[in-house]
Amino acid sequence: MDTVSTILRPRRLLLALLLPTLAGAACVFDSDEIGADEVSDDTTTESGAVYSDETDTVTDDNWTAEETGPFETTCRDAIDCLVICQSLAIVDPDPEPDLSCFLECDMGLSEDEAYLLIKLAECIGNVCAESGDCGAESDDTTCLTCIAAMATDPEPPGCMEEAAACQ
């Protein structure tokens, strides 16, 4: 159970939910960051900087019941929140979107509810990818629309078992 609780920390849940959602957005992202094969004007090291949050001991990304309150958010509540955030992304397709809306969606979820949400999100992402709505050949709006439509469907084709568990 320790491994499961480590994997399902709420902020990491956000990453798990966003990856299938934003898979198609990676090629459209207009970022100031330097790619692995690009050269920086800053030549502080030969190999470049390596960033890791493993060494950051100052911040605590583990939420406690005192910080989030009792577990009152259900898997379905989190889906509703995510769909609202996705709708905002569809309406305003900024190349560098503000994803702060998504940060609130997993607060108050128990580990069990978070696990159910991850399983449903994985299934929906796979179905949308297999249908061609999400992937390299699709656009972001089509992908986000597929995910939102399936997430709000109480019996999404191909994910009925996961949707039934996520209530």
Protein backbone atom coordinates (compact mmCIF):
# COMPACT_ATOMS: atom_id res chain seq x y z
CA MET A 1 0.00 0.00 0.00
CA ASP A 2 2.98 2.31 0.56
CA THR A 3 3.82 2.11 -3.14
CA VAL A 4 0.24 2.95 -4.11
CA SER A 5 0.11 5.94 -1.75
CA THR A 6 3.42 7.20 -3.11
CA ILE A 7 2.17 6.93 -6.69
CA LEU A 8 -1.18 8.52 -6.01
CA ARG A 9 -0.12 11.75 -4.36
CA PRO A 10 -2.64 14.33 -5.51
CA ARG A 11 -0.24 16.59 -7.40
CA ARG A 12 1.13 13.63 -9.29
CA LEU A 13 -2.48 12.76 -10.09
CA LEU A 14 -2.70 16.01 -12.00
CA LEU A 15 0.21 14.94 -14.18
CA ALA A 16 -1.40 11.57 -14.84
CA LEU A 17 -4.60 13.26 -15.91
CA LEU A 18 -2.99 15.92 -18.03
CA LEU A 19 -0.69 13.66 -20.03
CA PRO A 20 -3.41 12.01 -22.13
CA THR A 21 -5.26 15.32 -22.39
CA LEU A 22 -2.32 17.33 -23.64
CA ALA A 23 -0.54 14.63 -25.63
CA GLY A 24 -1.32 16.37 -28.89
CA ALA A 25 -0.37 19.80 -27.58
CA ALA A 26 3.33 19.00 -27.24
CA CYS A 27 4.09 19.70 -30.89
CA VAL A 28 2.18 23.01 -30.80
CA PHE A 29 3.74 24.33 -27.61
CA ASP A 30 5.64 27.58 -28.24
CA SER A 31 8.06 27.59 -25.34
CA ASP A 32 11.17 29.55 -24.53
CA GLU A 33 12.84 26.40 -23.23
CA ILE A 34 15.80 24.95 -25.07
CA GLY A 35 15.53 21.48 -26.56
CA ALA A 36 18.14 18.77 -26.09
CA ASP A 37 19.69 19.42 -29.51
CA GLU A 38 19.69 23.24 -29.26
CA VAL A 39 22.47 25.49 -27.97
CA SER A 40 21.99 28.04 -25.22
CA ASP A 41 23.56 31.48 -25.06
CA ASP A 42 24.43 30.64 -21.45
CA THR A 43 27.49 28.40 -21.41
CA THR A 44 27.74 27.68 -17.70
CA THR A 45 28.34 23.97 -18.23
CA GLU A 46 29.19 21.75 -21.16
CA SER A 47 26.28 19.40 -20.69
CA GLY A 48 23.69 21.93 -19.50
CA ALA A 49 21.69 22.03 -16.32
CA VAL A 50 19.83 19.07 -14.93
CA TYR A 51 16.70 19.79 -12.94
CA SER A 52 15.18 17.41 -10.45
CA ASP A 53 12.63 17.89 -7.71
CA GLU A 54 14.19 14.96 -5.85
CA THR A 55 16.67 17.31 -4.19
CA ASP A 56 14.09 19.94 -3.23
CA THR A 57 13.50 19.36 0.47
CA VAL A 58 12.13 22.82 1.22
CA THR A 59 8.67 22.36 -0.28
CA ASP A 60 6.17 19.69 0.61
CA ASP A 61 3.96 18.43 -2.20
CA ASN A 62 2.14 15.99 0.06
CA TRP A 63 -1.26 17.31 1.01
CA THR A 64 -2.65 16.43 4.39
CA ALA A 65 -6.26 16.18 5.50
CA GLU A 66 -5.81 19.49 7.31
CA GLU A 67 -4.79 21.20 4.05
CA THR A 68 -7.49 19.65 1.88
CA GLY A 69 -10.21 19.03 4.43
CA PRO A 70 -11.95 15.69 4.73
CA PHE A 71 -12.19 13.60 1.58
CA GLU A 72 -15.38 15.07 0.19
CA THR A 73 -14.51 15.15 -3.51
CA THR A 74 -15.61 12.15 -5.53
CA CYS A 75 -14.15 10.82 -8.73
CA ARG A 76 -17.16 12.24 -10.61
CA ASP A 77 -16.68 15.69 -8.98
CA ALA A 78 -13.08 15.71 -10.20
CA ILE A 79 -14.23 14.79 -13.72
CA ASP A 80 -16.71 17.69 -13.73
CA CYS A 81 -13.90 20.05 -12.71
CA LEU A 82 -11.55 18.66 -15.38
CA VAL A 83 -14.21 19.03 -18.08
CA ILE A 84 -14.71 22.68 -17.13
CA CYS A 85 -10.95 23.24 -17.35
CA GLN A 86 -10.82 21.45 -20.71
CA SER A 87 -13.71 23.56 -21.99
CA LEU A 88 -11.76 26.69 -21.10
CA ALA A 89 -8.76 25.30 -23.00
CA ILE A 90 -10.95 24.60 -26.05
CA VAL A 91 -12.43 28.11 -26.02
CA ASP A 92 -9.03 29.80 -25.60
CA PRO A 93 -6.41 27.62 -27.35
CA ASP A 94 -3.38 29.61 -26.16
CA PRO A 95 -0.04 28.08 -27.29
CA GLU A 96 1.09 28.24 -23.64
CA PRO A 97 -2.16 27.65 -21.74
CA ASP A 98 -2.75 28.55 -18.11
CA LEU A 99 -3.23 25.15 -16.49
CA SER A 100 -3.88 26.44 -12.97
CA CYS A 101 -7.56 25.46 -13.25
CA PHE A 102 -6.52 21.79 -13.25
CA LEU A 103 -4.70 22.16 -9.92
CA GLU A 104 -7.95 22.41 -7.98
CA CYS A 105 -9.58 19.32 -9.49
CA ASP A 106 -7.90 16.69 -7.35
CA MET A 107 -8.10 18.42 -3.97
CA GLY A 108 -10.21 16.46 -1.52
CA LEU A 109 -9.90 13.14 -3.38
CA SER A 110 -9.11 10.07 -1.33
CA GLU A 111 -6.45 7.73 -2.70
CA ASP A 112 -9.17 5.28 -3.72
CA GLU A 113 -11.11 7.94 -5.64
CA ALA A 114 -7.89 9.20 -7.23
CA TYR A 115 -7.06 5.67 -8.38
CA LEU A 116 -10.51 5.28 -9.96
CA LEU A 117 -10.09 8.62 -11.70
CA ILE A 118 -6.69 7.62 -13.08
CA LYS A 119 -8.07 4.32 -14.39
CA LEU A 120 -10.97 6.10 -16.13
CA ALA A 121 -8.69 8.81 -17.55
CA GLU A 122 -6.32 6.15 -18.88
CA CYS A 123 -9.17 4.27 -20.54
CA ILE A 124 -10.64 7.45 -22.08
CA GLY A 125 -7.21 8.54 -23.33
CA ASN A 126 -6.66 5.15 -24.95
CA VAL A 127 -10.09 5.11 -26.62
CA CYS A 128 -9.64 8.65 -27.96
CA ALA A 129 -6.16 7.77 -29.24
CA GLU A 130 -7.38 4.56 -30.89
CA SER A 131 -10.22 6.43 -32.60
CA GLY A 132 -7.74 8.94 -34.03
CA ASP A 133 -9.22 11.88 -32.13
CA CYS A 134 -6.02 12.20 -30.07
CA GLY A 135 -2.52 11.74 -31.38
CA ALA A 136 0.02 13.13 -33.78
CA GLU A 137 -2.46 13.42 -36.66
CA SER A 138 -5.21 15.18 -34.68
CA ASP A 139 -5.67 18.71 -33.44
CA ASP A 140 -5.98 19.72 -29.79
CA THR A 141 -9.64 20.76 -30.00
CA THR A 142 -10.70 17.39 -31.42
CA CYS A 143 -8.73 15.56 -28.74
CA LEU A 144 -10.06 17.68 -25.87
CA THR A 145 -13.61 17.35 -27.18
CA CYS A 146 -13.30 13.55 -27.34
CA ILE A 147 -11.97 13.37 -23.79
CA ALA A 148 -14.61 15.75 -22.42
CA ALA A 149 -17.45 13.94 -24.21
CA MET A 150 -16.35 10.54 -22.95
CA ALA A 151 -15.70 11.80 -19.42
CA THR A 152 -19.21 13.25 -19.10
CA ASP A 153 -20.88 10.18 -20.60
CA PRO A 154 -22.04 7.91 -17.73
CA GLU A 155 -21.53 4.91 -20.04
CA PRO A 156 -18.64 5.81 -22.37
CA PRO A 157 -18.05 3.19 -25.09
CA GLY A 158 -15.04 1.06 -24.19
CA CYS A 159 -14.82 2.39 -20.62
CA MET A 160 -18.13 1.39 -19.04
CA GLU A 161 -16.56 -0.60 -16.21
CA GLU A 162 -14.20 2.24 -15.26
CA ALA A 163 -17.01 4.82 -15.49
CA ALA A 164 -19.29 2.72 -13.28
CA ALA A 165 -16.56 2.56 -10.63
CA CYS A 166 -16.01 6.33 -10.79
CA GLN A 167 -19.10 7.74 -9.06
